[in-house]
């Protein structure tokens, strides 16, 4: 597998987990399990790719896998997934209230 694909897989999975954790921590942004997972996965993939372009160490992580680069991918994807889930949840709650 190419390095880009491995990075993307790690980021998407981490984003999905991050989205569900964020929604569990703040019930007012909850989109339901499926909604949290989808929003988190999209945020993790997109945010992780953006971070990869800004921080070259993260982009090169999968070609030479080490624990530091994997942790960077997981952290970047998880945080980006949590942030997008929070944004979408806040917008959804604002429009329905």
N, C-alpha and C. Protein backbone atom coordinates (compact mmCIF):
# COMPACT_ATOMS: atom_id res chain seq x y z
N UNK A 1 0.83 -1.19 0.00
CA UNK A 1 0.00 0.00 0.00
C UNK A 1 0.87 1.24 0.00
N UNK A 2 0.37 2.25 -0.64
CA UNK A 2 1.14 3.49 -0.68
C UNK A 2 1.04 4.22 0.65
N UNK A 3 2.02 5.07 0.91
CA UNK A 3 2.06 5.83 2.15
C UNK A 3 0.85 6.72 2.32
N UNK A 4 0.38 7.33 1.23
CA UNK A 4 -0.78 8.21 1.29
C UNK A 4 -2.03 7.46 1.73
N UNK A 5 -2.21 6.27 1.21
CA UNK A 5 -3.39 5.48 1.55
C UNK A 5 -3.35 5.03 3.01
N UNK A 6 -2.20 4.62 3.48
CA UNK A 6 -2.07 4.21 4.88
C UNK A 6 -2.35 5.39 5.79
N UNK A 7 -1.79 6.55 5.47
CA UNK A 7 -2.06 7.75 6.27
C UNK A 7 -3.56 8.06 6.29
N UNK A 8 -4.19 7.99 5.15
CA UNK A 8 -5.62 8.30 5.05
C UNK A 8 -6.46 7.34 5.88
N UNK A 9 -6.14 6.06 5.83
CA UNK A 9 -6.88 5.06 6.61
C UNK A 9 -6.75 5.35 8.11
N UNK A 10 -5.55 5.63 8.56
CA UNK A 10 -5.32 5.94 9.97
C UNK A 10 -6.11 7.20 10.36
N UNK A 11 -6.08 8.21 9.53
CA UNK A 11 -6.76 9.47 9.83
C UNK A 11 -8.28 9.31 9.85
N UNK A 12 -8.83 8.55 8.92
CA UNK A 12 -10.28 8.36 8.85
C UNK A 12 -10.77 7.60 10.07
N UNK A 13 -10.07 6.53 10.44
CA UNK A 13 -10.47 5.75 11.61
C UNK A 13 -10.34 6.60 12.88
N UNK A 14 -9.25 7.33 13.00
CA UNK A 14 -9.06 8.19 14.17
C UNK A 14 -10.11 9.29 14.22
N UNK A 15 -10.46 9.84 13.06
CA UNK A 15 -11.48 10.87 13.01
C UNK A 15 -12.84 10.35 13.44
N UNK A 16 -13.18 9.12 13.02
CA UNK A 16 -14.46 8.53 13.42
C UNK A 16 -14.51 8.34 14.93
N UNK A 17 -13.41 7.86 15.50
CA UNK A 17 -13.35 7.70 16.95
C UNK A 17 -13.43 9.07 17.63
N UNK A 18 -12.69 10.04 17.13
CA UNK A 18 -12.70 11.38 17.70
C UNK A 18 -14.07 12.03 17.65
N UNK A 19 -14.80 11.81 16.58
CA UNK A 19 -16.15 12.35 16.46
C UNK A 19 -17.09 11.77 17.50
N UNK A 20 -16.99 10.48 17.72
CA UNK A 20 -17.85 9.84 18.72
C UNK A 20 -17.46 10.23 20.14
N UNK A 21 -16.17 10.39 20.39
CA UNK A 21 -15.73 10.82 21.72
C UNK A 21 -16.21 12.25 22.00
N UNK A 22 -16.09 13.13 21.02
CA UNK A 22 -16.53 14.51 21.21
C UNK A 22 -18.03 14.57 21.47
N UNK A 23 -18.81 13.80 20.73
CA UNK A 23 -20.26 13.80 20.92
C UNK A 23 -20.63 13.18 22.26
N UNK A 24 -19.87 12.21 22.71
CA UNK A 24 -20.13 11.62 24.02
C UNK A 24 -19.81 12.58 25.15
N UNK A 25 -18.82 13.42 24.94
CA UNK A 25 -18.42 14.38 25.97
C UNK A 25 -19.37 15.58 26.04
N UNK A 26 -19.94 15.95 24.93
CA UNK A 26 -20.85 17.11 24.88
C UNK A 26 -22.13 16.68 24.18
N UNK A 27 -23.15 16.34 24.94
CA UNK A 27 -24.40 15.80 24.38
C UNK A 27 -25.13 16.79 23.47
N UNK A 28 -24.85 18.08 23.60
CA UNK A 28 -25.55 19.06 22.77
C UNK A 28 -25.06 19.07 21.32
N UNK A 29 -23.99 18.34 21.00
CA UNK A 29 -23.52 18.27 19.62
C UNK A 29 -23.71 16.89 19.02
N UNK A 30 -24.40 16.00 19.73
CA UNK A 30 -24.57 14.62 19.30
C UNK A 30 -25.40 14.54 18.03
N UNK A 31 -24.90 13.82 17.04
CA UNK A 31 -25.60 13.62 15.77
C UNK A 31 -26.14 12.20 15.64
N UNK A 32 -26.03 11.41 16.69
CA UNK A 32 -26.33 9.99 16.61
C UNK A 32 -25.04 9.26 16.25
N UNK A 33 -25.00 7.98 16.53
CA UNK A 33 -23.77 7.22 16.33
C UNK A 33 -23.30 7.28 14.87
N UNK A 34 -24.20 7.05 13.95
CA UNK A 34 -23.81 7.06 12.53
C UNK A 34 -23.38 8.45 12.09
N UNK A 35 -24.12 9.47 12.49
CA UNK A 35 -23.77 10.84 12.12
C UNK A 35 -22.43 11.26 12.70
N UNK A 36 -22.18 10.91 13.96
CA UNK A 36 -20.90 11.22 14.59
C UNK A 36 -19.75 10.53 13.86
N UNK A 37 -19.98 9.28 13.49
CA UNK A 37 -18.94 8.51 12.82
C UNK A 37 -18.63 9.08 11.44
N UNK A 38 -19.67 9.41 10.69
CA UNK A 38 -19.46 9.95 9.34
C UNK A 38 -18.80 11.32 9.40
N UNK A 39 -19.32 12.21 10.24
CA UNK A 39 -18.72 13.55 10.35
C UNK A 39 -17.28 13.46 10.84
N UNK A 40 -17.03 12.59 11.81
CA UNK A 40 -15.68 12.43 12.33
C UNK A 40 -14.73 11.86 11.29
N UNK A 41 -15.19 10.88 10.52
CA UNK A 41 -14.34 10.28 9.49
C UNK A 41 -13.98 11.30 8.40
N UNK A 42 -14.96 12.08 7.99
CA UNK A 42 -14.69 13.11 6.98
C UNK A 42 -13.72 14.15 7.54
N UNK A 43 -13.97 14.58 8.77
CA UNK A 43 -13.08 15.56 9.39
C UNK A 43 -11.67 15.00 9.59
N UNK A 44 -11.59 13.75 10.02
CA UNK A 44 -10.28 13.13 10.21
C UNK A 44 -9.50 13.01 8.92
N UNK A 45 -10.16 12.57 7.86
CA UNK A 45 -9.48 12.44 6.57
C UNK A 45 -9.05 13.78 6.01
N UNK A 46 -9.96 14.73 5.98
CA UNK A 46 -9.64 16.05 5.42
C UNK A 46 -8.64 16.80 6.29
N UNK A 47 -8.91 16.83 7.59
CA UNK A 47 -8.01 17.55 8.50
C UNK A 47 -6.64 16.91 8.57
N UNK A 48 -6.60 15.60 8.53
CA UNK A 48 -5.31 14.90 8.55
C UNK A 48 -4.49 15.19 7.30
N UNK A 49 -5.14 15.28 6.17
CA UNK A 49 -4.43 15.60 4.94
C UNK A 49 -3.91 17.03 4.96
N UNK A 50 -4.71 17.93 5.50
CA UNK A 50 -4.26 19.33 5.61
C UNK A 50 -3.06 19.41 6.55
N UNK A 51 -3.14 18.72 7.68
CA UNK A 51 -2.01 18.71 8.61
C UNK A 51 -0.77 18.08 7.96
N UNK A 52 -1.00 17.08 7.13
CA UNK A 52 0.12 16.43 6.44
C UNK A 52 0.85 17.37 5.50
N UNK A 53 0.12 18.30 4.90
CA UNK A 53 0.79 19.27 4.03
C UNK A 53 1.49 20.35 4.84
N UNK A 54 0.94 20.67 6.02
CA UNK A 54 1.55 21.70 6.85
C UNK A 54 2.74 21.18 7.65
N UNK A 55 2.68 19.91 8.04
CA UNK A 55 3.75 19.30 8.84
C UNK A 55 4.31 18.12 8.04
N UNK A 56 5.40 18.30 7.32
CA UNK A 56 5.93 17.25 6.44
C UNK A 56 6.26 15.94 7.16
N UNK A 57 6.60 15.99 8.43
CA UNK A 57 6.90 14.78 9.18
C UNK A 57 5.71 13.83 9.18
N UNK A 58 4.49 14.37 9.25
CA UNK A 58 3.29 13.54 9.24
C UNK A 58 3.03 12.95 7.86
N UNK A 59 3.34 13.68 6.83
CA UNK A 59 3.10 13.20 5.47
C UNK A 59 4.00 12.04 5.12
N UNK A 60 5.21 12.01 5.63
CA UNK A 60 6.16 10.96 5.31
C UNK A 60 6.08 9.78 6.26
N UNK A 61 5.15 9.81 7.19
CA UNK A 61 5.08 8.81 8.24
C UNK A 61 4.88 7.39 7.76
N UNK A 62 4.04 7.16 6.77
CA UNK A 62 3.72 5.79 6.39
C UNK A 62 4.82 5.14 5.56
N UNK A 63 5.64 5.91 4.89
CA UNK A 63 6.71 5.31 4.10
C UNK A 63 7.80 4.75 4.99
N UNK A 64 7.98 5.33 6.15
CA UNK A 64 8.91 4.81 7.15
C UNK A 64 8.18 4.76 8.49
N UNK A 65 7.34 3.74 8.68
CA UNK A 65 6.49 3.74 9.86
C UNK A 65 7.28 3.67 11.17
N UNK A 66 7.02 4.62 12.02
CA UNK A 66 7.56 4.59 13.37
C UNK A 66 6.46 5.07 14.30
N UNK A 67 6.61 4.83 15.57
CA UNK A 67 5.55 5.13 16.52
C UNK A 67 5.22 6.62 16.57
N UNK A 68 6.21 7.47 16.40
CA UNK A 68 5.98 8.91 16.44
C UNK A 68 5.08 9.39 15.32
N UNK A 69 5.32 8.93 14.11
CA UNK A 69 4.50 9.37 12.99
C UNK A 69 3.10 8.78 13.07
N UNK A 70 2.96 7.56 13.57
CA UNK A 70 1.64 6.97 13.72
C UNK A 70 0.84 7.73 14.77
N UNK A 71 1.48 8.08 15.88
CA UNK A 71 0.80 8.87 16.91
C UNK A 71 0.38 10.22 16.36
N UNK A 72 1.23 10.82 15.53
CA UNK A 72 0.88 12.09 14.90
C UNK A 72 -0.34 11.96 14.00
N UNK A 73 -0.41 10.88 13.23
CA UNK A 73 -1.56 10.65 12.35
C UNK A 73 -2.84 10.45 13.17
N UNK A 74 -2.73 9.65 14.23
CA UNK A 74 -3.89 9.38 15.08
C UNK A 74 -4.37 10.67 15.76
N UNK A 75 -3.44 11.44 16.30
CA UNK A 75 -3.81 12.69 16.99
C UNK A 75 -4.43 13.69 16.01
N UNK A 76 -3.80 13.87 14.86
CA UNK A 76 -4.32 14.82 13.87
C UNK A 76 -5.70 14.44 13.38
N UNK A 77 -5.88 13.17 13.04
CA UNK A 77 -7.19 12.70 12.57
C UNK A 77 -8.25 12.77 13.64
N UNK A 78 -7.89 12.39 14.86
CA UNK A 78 -8.85 12.41 15.96
C UNK A 78 -9.32 13.80 16.31
N UNK A 79 -8.40 14.72 16.39
CA UNK A 79 -8.76 16.10 16.72
C UNK A 79 -9.60 16.72 15.60
N UNK A 80 -9.19 16.51 14.36
CA UNK A 80 -9.94 17.07 13.23
C UNK A 80 -11.34 16.47 13.15
N UNK A 81 -11.46 15.17 13.44
CA UNK A 81 -12.78 14.54 13.45
C UNK A 81 -13.66 15.08 14.55
N UNK A 82 -13.09 15.30 15.72
CA UNK A 82 -13.84 15.86 16.84
C UNK A 82 -14.30 17.28 16.53
N UNK A 83 -13.43 18.06 15.92
CA UNK A 83 -13.76 19.45 15.61
C UNK A 83 -14.89 19.52 14.57
N UNK A 84 -14.80 18.73 13.52
CA UNK A 84 -15.86 18.77 12.50
C UNK A 84 -17.19 18.28 13.07
N UNK A 85 -17.15 17.25 13.89
CA UNK A 85 -18.38 16.76 14.51
C UNK A 85 -18.99 17.85 15.39
N UNK A 86 -18.17 18.55 16.14
CA UNK A 86 -18.67 19.63 17.00
C UNK A 86 -19.29 20.75 16.17
N UNK A 87 -18.65 21.10 15.08
CA UNK A 87 -19.17 22.16 14.22
C UNK A 87 -20.51 21.76 13.60
N UNK A 88 -20.57 20.55 13.04
CA UNK A 88 -21.81 20.09 12.40
C UNK A 88 -22.91 19.94 13.44
N UNK A 89 -22.58 19.41 14.62
CA UNK A 89 -23.58 19.26 15.67
C UNK A 89 -24.12 20.59 16.15
N UNK A 90 -23.24 21.57 16.30
CA UNK A 90 -23.67 22.90 16.74
C UNK A 90 -24.57 23.55 15.69
N UNK A 91 -24.22 23.41 14.43
CA UNK A 91 -25.05 23.98 13.35
C UNK A 91 -26.41 23.29 13.32
N UNK A 92 -26.40 21.96 13.46
CA UNK A 92 -27.66 21.21 13.44
C UNK A 92 -28.56 21.62 14.60
N UNK A 93 -28.01 21.74 15.77
CA UNK A 93 -28.81 22.13 16.94
C UNK A 93 -29.30 23.56 16.85
N UNK A 94 -28.51 24.43 16.25
CA UNK A 94 -28.92 25.83 16.12
C UNK A 94 -30.08 25.96 15.12
N UNK A 95 -30.07 25.17 14.06
CA UNK A 95 -31.12 25.28 13.05
C UNK A 95 -32.42 24.59 13.50
N UNK A 96 -32.34 23.59 14.39
CA UNK A 96 -33.54 22.90 14.84
C UNK A 96 -34.16 23.56 16.07
N UNK A 97 -33.42 24.44 16.72
CA UNK A 97 -33.97 25.08 17.94
C UNK A 97 -34.68 26.37 17.65
